[in-house]
Protein backbone atom coordinates (compact mmCIF):
# COMPACT_ATOMS: atom_id res chain seq x y z
CA UNK A 1 0.97 8.95 15.56
CA UNK A 2 2.32 5.39 15.45
CA UNK A 3 3.77 3.96 12.24
CA UNK A 4 1.59 4.98 9.33
CA UNK A 5 -0.51 1.98 8.39
CA UNK A 6 -0.40 2.68 4.65
CA UNK A 7 2.33 0.18 3.72
CA UNK A 8 0.68 -2.58 5.76
CA UNK A 9 -2.64 -1.85 4.08
CA UNK A 10 -1.03 -1.86 0.64
CA UNK A 11 0.62 -5.22 1.30
CA UNK A 12 -2.65 -6.70 2.61
CA UNK A 13 -4.44 -5.31 -0.43
CA UNK A 14 -1.96 -6.87 -2.87
CA UNK A 15 -3.76 -10.22 -2.73
CA UNK A 16 -7.04 -8.42 -3.47
CA UNK A 17 -5.43 -6.68 -6.44
CA UNK A 18 -4.24 -10.02 -7.84
CA UNK A 19 -7.67 -11.46 -7.05
CA UNK A 20 -9.30 -8.68 -9.05
CA UNK A 21 -7.21 -9.71 -12.08
CA UNK A 22 -8.21 -13.34 -11.52
CA UNK A 23 -11.88 -12.41 -11.16
CA UNK A 24 -12.29 -10.26 -14.29
CA UNK A 25 -9.63 -11.75 -16.55
CA UNK A 26 -11.37 -13.64 -19.31
CA UNK A 27 -9.39 -16.86 -19.28
CA UNK A 28 -8.70 -19.91 -17.15
CA UNK A 29 -6.51 -19.34 -14.07
CA UNK A 30 -3.52 -21.13 -15.67
CA UNK A 31 -3.71 -18.83 -18.68
CA UNK A 32 -4.14 -15.71 -16.50
CA UNK A 33 -1.08 -16.73 -14.47
CA UNK A 34 0.95 -17.13 -17.66
CA UNK A 35 -0.25 -13.74 -18.96
CA UNK A 36 0.70 -12.14 -15.63
CA UNK A 37 4.24 -13.59 -15.65
CA UNK A 38 4.87 -12.90 -19.34
CA UNK A 39 3.60 -9.32 -19.00
CA UNK A 40 5.82 -8.76 -15.95
CA UNK A 41 8.85 -9.80 -17.97
CA UNK A 42 7.93 -7.84 -21.12
CA UNK A 43 6.90 -4.66 -19.30
CA UNK A 44 9.92 -4.93 -16.97
CA UNK A 45 7.74 -5.02 -13.85
CA UNK A 46 9.60 -7.97 -12.40
CA UNK A 47 11.43 -11.13 -13.27
CA UNK A 48 9.43 -14.14 -12.09
CA UNK A 49 11.76 -17.12 -11.79
CA UNK A 50 9.02 -19.47 -12.92
CA UNK A 51 5.64 -18.97 -14.50
CA UNK A 52 3.06 -19.64 -11.79
CA UNK A 53 0.15 -21.95 -12.37
CA UNK A 54 -3.52 -21.24 -11.78
CA UNK A 55 -3.45 -22.76 -8.30
CA UNK A 56 -0.63 -20.40 -7.29
CA UNK A 57 -2.49 -17.43 -8.72
CA UNK A 58 -5.59 -18.48 -6.81
CA UNK A 59 -3.55 -18.79 -3.60
CA UNK A 60 -2.08 -15.32 -4.16
CA UNK A 61 -5.59 -13.93 -4.43
CA UNK A 62 -6.49 -15.46 -1.07
CA UNK A 63 -4.34 -15.92 2.01
CA UNK A 64 -0.89 -16.16 0.39
CA UNK A 65 1.03 -12.92 -0.09
CA UNK A 66 1.73 -12.43 -3.80
CA UNK A 67 5.16 -11.31 -4.95
CA UNK A 68 5.38 -7.61 -5.72
CA UNK A 69 5.86 -8.28 -9.44
CA UNK A 70 2.44 -10.02 -9.51
CA UNK A 71 0.63 -7.10 -7.86
CA UNK A 72 2.41 -4.52 -10.02
CA UNK A 73 1.58 -6.46 -13.16
CA UNK A 74 -2.03 -7.03 -12.15
CA UNK A 75 -2.42 -3.25 -11.80
CA UNK A 76 -0.70 -2.70 -15.15
CA UNK A 77 -3.20 -5.03 -16.82
CA UNK A 78 -6.28 -3.81 -14.96
CA UNK A 79 -5.62 -0.16 -15.80
CA UNK A 80 -5.63 -1.05 -19.50
CA UNK A 81 -8.91 -2.98 -19.46
CA UNK A 82 -11.74 -1.36 -21.42
CA UNK A 83 -14.17 -2.17 -18.59
CA UNK A 84 -12.30 0.39 -16.45
CA UNK A 85 -12.20 -1.55 -13.17
CA UNK A 86 -11.63 0.29 -9.91
CA UNK A 87 -10.49 -0.92 -6.48
CA UNK A 88 -13.21 -2.75 -4.59
CA UNK A 89 -12.23 -1.65 -1.08
CA UNK A 90 -9.76 0.44 0.92
CA UNK A 91 -7.03 -2.19 1.13
CA UNK A 92 -7.15 -2.89 -2.57
CA UNK A 93 -7.11 0.86 -3.24
CA UNK A 94 -3.93 1.17 -1.19
CA UNK A 95 -2.35 -1.63 -3.24
CA UNK A 96 -3.40 0.09 -6.48
CA UNK A 97 -1.84 3.38 -5.34
CA UNK A 98 1.34 1.71 -4.09
CA UNK A 99 1.80 -0.19 -7.35
CA UNK A 100 0.96 2.91 -9.41
CA UNK A 101 3.92 4.72 -7.87
CA UNK A 102 6.16 1.65 -8.21
CA UNK A 103 5.32 1.06 -11.87
CA UNK A 104 6.46 4.46 -13.13
CA UNK A 105 8.86 7.19 -12.09
CA UNK A 106 7.07 10.36 -11.03
CA UNK A 107 8.80 13.59 -10.00
CA UNK A 108 5.81 14.99 -8.14
CA UNK A 109 2.48 14.04 -6.67
CA UNK A 110 0.78 16.17 -9.32
CA UNK A 111 2.51 14.25 -12.08
CA UNK A 112 1.41 10.93 -10.56
CA UNK A 113 -2.14 12.24 -10.17
CA UNK A 114 -2.33 13.59 -13.74
CA UNK A 115 -1.07 10.28 -15.15
CA UNK A 116 -3.97 8.37 -13.56
CA UNK A 117 -6.76 7.42 -15.94
CA UNK A 118 -9.75 9.66 -15.25
CA UNK A 119 -11.90 6.83 -13.87
CA UNK A 120 -9.31 6.14 -11.16
CA UNK A 121 -8.87 9.68 -9.87
CA UNK A 122 -11.76 9.65 -7.43
CA UNK A 123 -11.27 6.12 -6.04
CA UNK A 124 -7.49 6.61 -5.70
CA UNK A 125 -7.55 10.18 -4.37
CA UNK A 126 -6.91 9.32 -0.70
CA UNK A 127 -4.75 6.21 -1.27
CA UNK A 128 -2.50 7.99 -3.78
CA UNK A 129 -1.94 10.87 -1.37
CA UNK A 130 -1.04 8.37 1.36
CA UNK A 131 1.25 6.44 -1.01
CA UNK A 132 2.99 9.66 -2.04
CA UNK A 133 3.48 10.69 1.61
CA UNK A 134 4.91 7.24 2.32
CA UNK A 135 7.22 7.54 -0.68
CA UNK A 136 8.40 10.97 0.38
CA UNK A 137 9.22 9.72 3.85
CA UNK A 138 11.36 7.03 2.18
CA UNK A 139 9.04 4.27 3.33
CA UNK A 140 7.91 3.41 -0.20
CA UNK A 141 10.94 1.56 -1.45
């Protein structure tokens, strides 16, 4: 089998993950961008040099590749939303699984699986298994 496509899918899905935050966040894009950057800093999910503006956030949800801190933080925020959003497609699901494993330290696949909120277990079943396999093969760095 050629290179496993999981990492490439996760990176392509990162913009969709950020776009999901932009779509269901209940504020203007400038405010959502500020919330994303401030949360990244406070939750120690990354250290954005500058706080992005709404136009940057919009670009990251489209063709521009978002920084990893933005995708990780978008997942962090989405998982806590009372509306219980789920990934909208395969690529976004891969990004959710990738960021899930990057946001916390897990000693086993079972631990990562058990830590998922119940509403995410079915939609992330296949992507999380792929992300774990990638991590175990030292590709998820």
